[in-house]
Amino acid sequence: MLLVYTLCNALQAGEKQLGTDESVFNTVLCSRSRAQLKAVFQAYKKVAGHDIEDAIKNETSGTLRDGYLAVGMTTACVHVPVTDTLL
């Protein structure tokens, strides 16, 4: 559980900077399992007061935003195929 809150705090710190530190989002979103990401996203919502999708929408744009949102959507819902999030 400590890992979950460590990752959650890292995401929140990356979000609060002037100019988002995408490397923090990349590290968390691209190096964790679905189960770990699900736990991080739930903890993030409790700590930050909003969900990770809101943070991604507010802090990123373009194809980077689309990629991050695809990871978030496929992590949050088992029933959404990856191809549906990319179309």
N, C-alpha and C. Protein backbone atom coordinates (compact mmCIF):
# COMPACT_ATOMS: atom_id res chain seq x y z
N MET A 1 0.82 -1.20 0.00
CA MET A 1 0.00 0.00 0.00
C MET A 1 0.86 1.26 0.00
N LEU A 2 2.04 1.16 0.58
CA LEU A 2 2.95 2.31 0.58
C LEU A 2 3.33 2.69 -0.85
N LEU A 3 3.56 1.68 -1.69
CA LEU A 3 3.89 1.94 -3.08
C LEU A 3 2.77 2.71 -3.76
N VAL A 4 1.54 2.34 -3.51
CA VAL A 4 0.39 3.01 -4.12
C VAL A 4 0.38 4.49 -3.76
N TYR A 5 0.56 4.81 -2.50
CA TYR A 5 0.52 6.21 -2.09
C TYR A 5 1.76 6.97 -2.54
N THR A 6 2.89 6.28 -2.66
CA THR A 6 4.09 6.92 -3.19
C THR A 6 3.87 7.32 -4.64
N LEU A 7 3.32 6.40 -5.44
CA LEU A 7 3.03 6.70 -6.84
C LEU A 7 1.96 7.79 -6.96
N CYS A 8 0.96 7.72 -6.12
CA CYS A 8 -0.11 8.70 -6.12
C CYS A 8 0.44 10.09 -5.82
N ASN A 9 1.28 10.20 -4.83
CA ASN A 9 1.88 11.48 -4.48
C ASN A 9 2.80 11.99 -5.58
N ALA A 10 3.49 11.08 -6.26
CA ALA A 10 4.34 11.49 -7.37
C ALA A 10 3.50 12.08 -8.50
N LEU A 11 2.38 11.45 -8.80
CA LEU A 11 1.48 11.99 -9.83
C LEU A 11 0.97 13.36 -9.44
N GLN A 12 0.57 13.49 -8.20
CA GLN A 12 0.04 14.77 -7.74
C GLN A 12 1.12 15.85 -7.79
N ALA A 13 2.35 15.50 -7.43
CA ALA A 13 3.45 16.46 -7.48
C ALA A 13 3.73 16.88 -8.92
N GLY A 14 3.68 15.91 -9.85
CA GLY A 14 3.87 16.24 -11.26
C GLY A 14 2.79 17.14 -11.78
N GLU A 15 1.60 17.00 -11.26
CA GLU A 15 0.46 17.81 -11.68
C GLU A 15 0.56 19.24 -11.16
N LYS A 16 1.10 19.43 -9.99
CA LYS A 16 1.10 20.75 -9.36
C LYS A 16 2.21 21.66 -9.87
N GLN A 17 3.13 21.14 -10.63
CA GLN A 17 4.23 21.95 -11.13
C GLN A 17 3.77 22.89 -12.23
N LEU A 18 4.53 23.94 -12.42
CA LEU A 18 4.32 24.81 -13.57
C LEU A 18 4.85 24.05 -14.77
N GLY A 19 3.98 23.69 -15.68
CA GLY A 19 4.38 22.80 -16.77
C GLY A 19 4.45 21.39 -16.23
N THR A 20 3.54 20.57 -16.61
CA THR A 20 3.44 19.21 -16.09
C THR A 20 4.70 18.42 -16.38
N ASP A 21 5.16 17.65 -15.42
CA ASP A 21 6.31 16.77 -15.62
C ASP A 21 5.78 15.44 -16.17
N GLU A 22 5.75 15.33 -17.50
CA GLU A 22 5.21 14.13 -18.14
C GLU A 22 5.99 12.88 -17.77
N SER A 23 7.26 13.03 -17.42
CA SER A 23 8.06 11.84 -17.08
C SER A 23 7.48 11.12 -15.87
N VAL A 24 6.85 11.86 -14.96
CA VAL A 24 6.21 11.23 -13.81
C VAL A 24 5.02 10.40 -14.27
N PHE A 25 4.18 10.99 -15.12
CA PHE A 25 3.04 10.24 -15.66
C PHE A 25 3.52 9.03 -16.45
N ASN A 26 4.55 9.21 -17.29
CA ASN A 26 5.08 8.09 -18.07
C ASN A 26 5.55 6.96 -17.18
N THR A 27 6.31 7.29 -16.17
CA THR A 27 6.85 6.28 -15.27
C THR A 27 5.74 5.48 -14.61
N VAL A 28 4.74 6.16 -14.11
CA VAL A 28 3.66 5.47 -13.41
C VAL A 28 2.77 4.70 -14.38
N LEU A 29 2.33 5.35 -15.45
CA LEU A 29 1.37 4.73 -16.36
C LEU A 29 1.96 3.60 -17.19
N CYS A 30 3.24 3.65 -17.47
CA CYS A 30 3.84 2.68 -18.39
C CYS A 30 4.62 1.57 -17.70
N SER A 31 4.77 1.63 -16.40
CA SER A 31 5.61 0.62 -15.75
C SER A 31 4.87 -0.18 -14.68
N ARG A 32 3.57 -0.04 -14.62
CA ARG A 32 2.80 -0.73 -13.58
C ARG A 32 1.76 -1.65 -14.20
N SER A 33 1.40 -2.67 -13.46
CA SER A 33 0.37 -3.61 -13.92
C SER A 33 -1.00 -2.96 -13.82
N ARG A 34 -1.98 -3.60 -14.44
CA ARG A 34 -3.36 -3.10 -14.39
C ARG A 34 -3.84 -3.01 -12.95
N ALA A 35 -3.56 -4.05 -12.15
CA ALA A 35 -4.00 -4.04 -10.74
C ALA A 35 -3.34 -2.91 -9.96
N GLN A 36 -2.05 -2.68 -10.20
CA GLN A 36 -1.36 -1.59 -9.51
C GLN A 36 -1.93 -0.24 -9.93
N LEU A 37 -2.15 -0.06 -11.23
CA LEU A 37 -2.71 1.21 -11.70
C LEU A 37 -4.10 1.46 -11.14
N LYS A 38 -4.89 0.42 -11.08
CA LYS A 38 -6.24 0.58 -10.52
C LYS A 38 -6.17 1.06 -9.08
N ALA A 39 -5.27 0.48 -8.30
CA ALA A 39 -5.08 0.90 -6.90
C ALA A 39 -4.56 2.33 -6.82
N VAL A 40 -3.62 2.67 -7.69
CA VAL A 40 -3.07 4.04 -7.71
C VAL A 40 -4.16 5.04 -8.07
N PHE A 41 -4.98 4.72 -9.08
CA PHE A 41 -6.04 5.65 -9.50
C PHE A 41 -7.06 5.86 -8.39
N GLN A 42 -7.40 4.81 -7.66
CA GLN A 42 -8.35 4.94 -6.55
C GLN A 42 -7.76 5.79 -5.43
N ALA A 43 -6.49 5.55 -5.11
CA ALA A 43 -5.82 6.35 -4.07
C ALA A 43 -5.67 7.79 -4.52
N TYR A 44 -5.35 8.00 -5.79
CA TYR A 44 -5.19 9.34 -6.33
C TYR A 44 -6.47 10.16 -6.15
N LYS A 45 -7.59 9.54 -6.44
CA LYS A 45 -8.87 10.25 -6.30
C LYS A 45 -9.10 10.69 -4.85
N LYS A 46 -8.73 9.84 -3.90
CA LYS A 46 -8.90 10.19 -2.48
C LYS A 46 -7.96 11.33 -2.09
N VAL A 47 -6.72 11.26 -2.54
CA VAL A 47 -5.71 12.25 -2.14
C VAL A 47 -5.90 13.58 -2.87
N ALA A 48 -6.13 13.52 -4.19
CA ALA A 48 -6.19 14.74 -5.00
C ALA A 48 -7.57 15.39 -5.02
N GLY A 49 -8.61 14.61 -4.74
CA GLY A 49 -9.96 15.16 -4.78
C GLY A 49 -10.59 15.13 -6.17
N HIS A 50 -9.88 14.58 -7.14
CA HIS A 50 -10.42 14.38 -8.49
C HIS A 50 -9.74 13.16 -9.09
N ASP A 51 -10.34 12.61 -10.13
CA ASP A 51 -9.75 11.38 -10.66
C ASP A 51 -8.62 11.67 -11.63
N ILE A 52 -7.89 10.63 -11.96
CA ILE A 52 -6.70 10.77 -12.80
C ILE A 52 -7.07 11.26 -14.20
N GLU A 53 -8.24 10.88 -14.69
CA GLU A 53 -8.66 11.34 -16.02
C GLU A 53 -8.80 12.86 -16.05
N ASP A 54 -9.33 13.45 -14.99
CA ASP A 54 -9.42 14.91 -14.93
C ASP A 54 -8.03 15.54 -14.96
N ALA A 55 -7.11 14.94 -14.21
CA ALA A 55 -5.73 15.46 -14.19
C ALA A 55 -5.11 15.37 -15.57
N ILE A 56 -5.30 14.24 -16.24
CA ILE A 56 -4.75 14.07 -17.58
C ILE A 56 -5.34 15.08 -18.54
N LYS A 57 -6.65 15.28 -18.49
CA LYS A 57 -7.31 16.23 -19.39
C LYS A 57 -6.84 17.66 -19.13
N ASN A 58 -6.60 18.01 -17.87
CA ASN A 58 -6.18 19.36 -17.52
C ASN A 58 -4.70 19.62 -17.76
N GLU A 59 -3.89 18.58 -17.71
CA GLU A 59 -2.44 18.76 -17.73
C GLU A 59 -1.76 18.40 -19.04
N THR A 60 -2.45 17.71 -19.94
CA THR A 60 -1.81 17.28 -21.18
C THR A 60 -2.70 17.61 -22.38
N SER A 61 -2.16 17.40 -23.57
CA SER A 61 -2.93 17.63 -24.79
C SER A 61 -2.44 16.72 -25.89
N GLY A 62 -3.18 16.71 -26.98
CA GLY A 62 -2.77 16.00 -28.18
C GLY A 62 -2.71 14.49 -28.03
N THR A 63 -1.79 13.89 -28.75
CA THR A 63 -1.68 12.43 -28.75
C THR A 63 -1.19 11.89 -27.41
N LEU A 64 -0.42 12.69 -26.70
CA LEU A 64 0.01 12.26 -25.36
C LEU A 64 -1.21 12.11 -24.46
N ARG A 65 -2.09 13.08 -24.50
CA ARG A 65 -3.34 13.01 -23.73
C ARG A 65 -4.16 11.78 -24.13
N ASP A 66 -4.29 11.57 -25.43
CA ASP A 66 -5.05 10.42 -25.92
C ASP A 66 -4.46 9.10 -25.42
N GLY A 67 -3.15 8.98 -25.44
CA GLY A 67 -2.48 7.77 -24.97
C GLY A 67 -2.69 7.56 -23.48
N TYR A 68 -2.51 8.61 -22.70
CA TYR A 68 -2.72 8.51 -21.26
C TYR A 68 -4.16 8.13 -20.94
N LEU A 69 -5.11 8.75 -21.63
CA LEU A 69 -6.52 8.44 -21.39
C LEU A 69 -6.85 7.01 -21.79
N ALA A 70 -6.22 6.51 -22.85
CA ALA A 70 -6.44 5.12 -23.26
C ALA A 70 -5.97 4.17 -22.16
N VAL A 71 -4.83 4.46 -21.55
CA VAL A 71 -4.34 3.64 -20.45
C VAL A 71 -5.32 3.71 -19.28
N GLY A 72 -5.76 4.92 -18.96
CA GLY A 72 -6.71 5.09 -17.86
C GLY A 72 -8.02 4.38 -18.09
N MET A 73 -8.55 4.46 -19.31
CA MET A 73 -9.83 3.83 -19.61
C MET A 73 -9.73 2.31 -19.59
N THR A 74 -8.66 1.78 -20.16
CA THR A 74 -8.53 0.32 -20.18
C THR A 74 -8.20 -0.23 -18.81
N THR A 75 -7.61 0.57 -17.96
CA THR A 75 -7.32 0.14 -16.60
C THR A 75 -8.58 0.15 -15.74
N ALA A 76 -9.38 1.19 -15.90
CA ALA A 76 -10.57 1.35 -15.06
C ALA A 76 -11.67 0.36 -15.40
N CYS A 77 -11.77 -0.02 -16.65
CA CYS A 77 -12.88 -0.86 -17.08
C CYS A 77 -12.37 -2.04 -17.89
N VAL A 78 -12.58 -3.22 -17.38
CA VAL A 78 -12.12 -4.43 -18.05
C VAL A 78 -12.86 -4.63 -19.37
N HIS A 79 -14.05 -4.08 -19.51
CA HIS A 79 -14.89 -4.34 -20.67
C HIS A 79 -14.62 -3.41 -21.84
N VAL A 80 -13.66 -2.50 -21.73
CA VAL A 80 -13.36 -1.59 -22.83
C VAL A 80 -12.11 -2.09 -23.55
N PRO A 81 -12.26 -2.60 -24.78
CA PRO A 81 -11.08 -3.05 -25.53
C PRO A 81 -10.18 -1.87 -25.87
N VAL A 82 -8.89 -2.11 -25.91
CA VAL A 82 -7.94 -1.05 -26.21
C VAL A 82 -8.26 -0.40 -27.55
N THR A 83 -8.65 -1.18 -28.53
CA THR A 83 -8.94 -0.62 -29.85
C THR A 83 -10.07 0.40 -29.80
N ASP A 84 -11.05 0.22 -28.93
CA ASP A 84 -12.15 1.18 -28.81
C ASP A 84 -11.68 2.53 -28.29
N THR A 85 -10.66 2.54 -27.45
CA THR A 85 -10.18 3.80 -26.89
C THR A 85 -9.33 4.55 -27.88
N LEU A 86 -8.81 3.87 -28.88
CA LEU A 86 -7.91 4.52 -29.84
C LEU A 86 -8.62 5.01 -31.09
N LEU A 87 -9.89 4.63 -31.27
CA LEU A 87 -10.61 5.04 -32.48
C LEU A 87 -11.19 6.42 -32.37
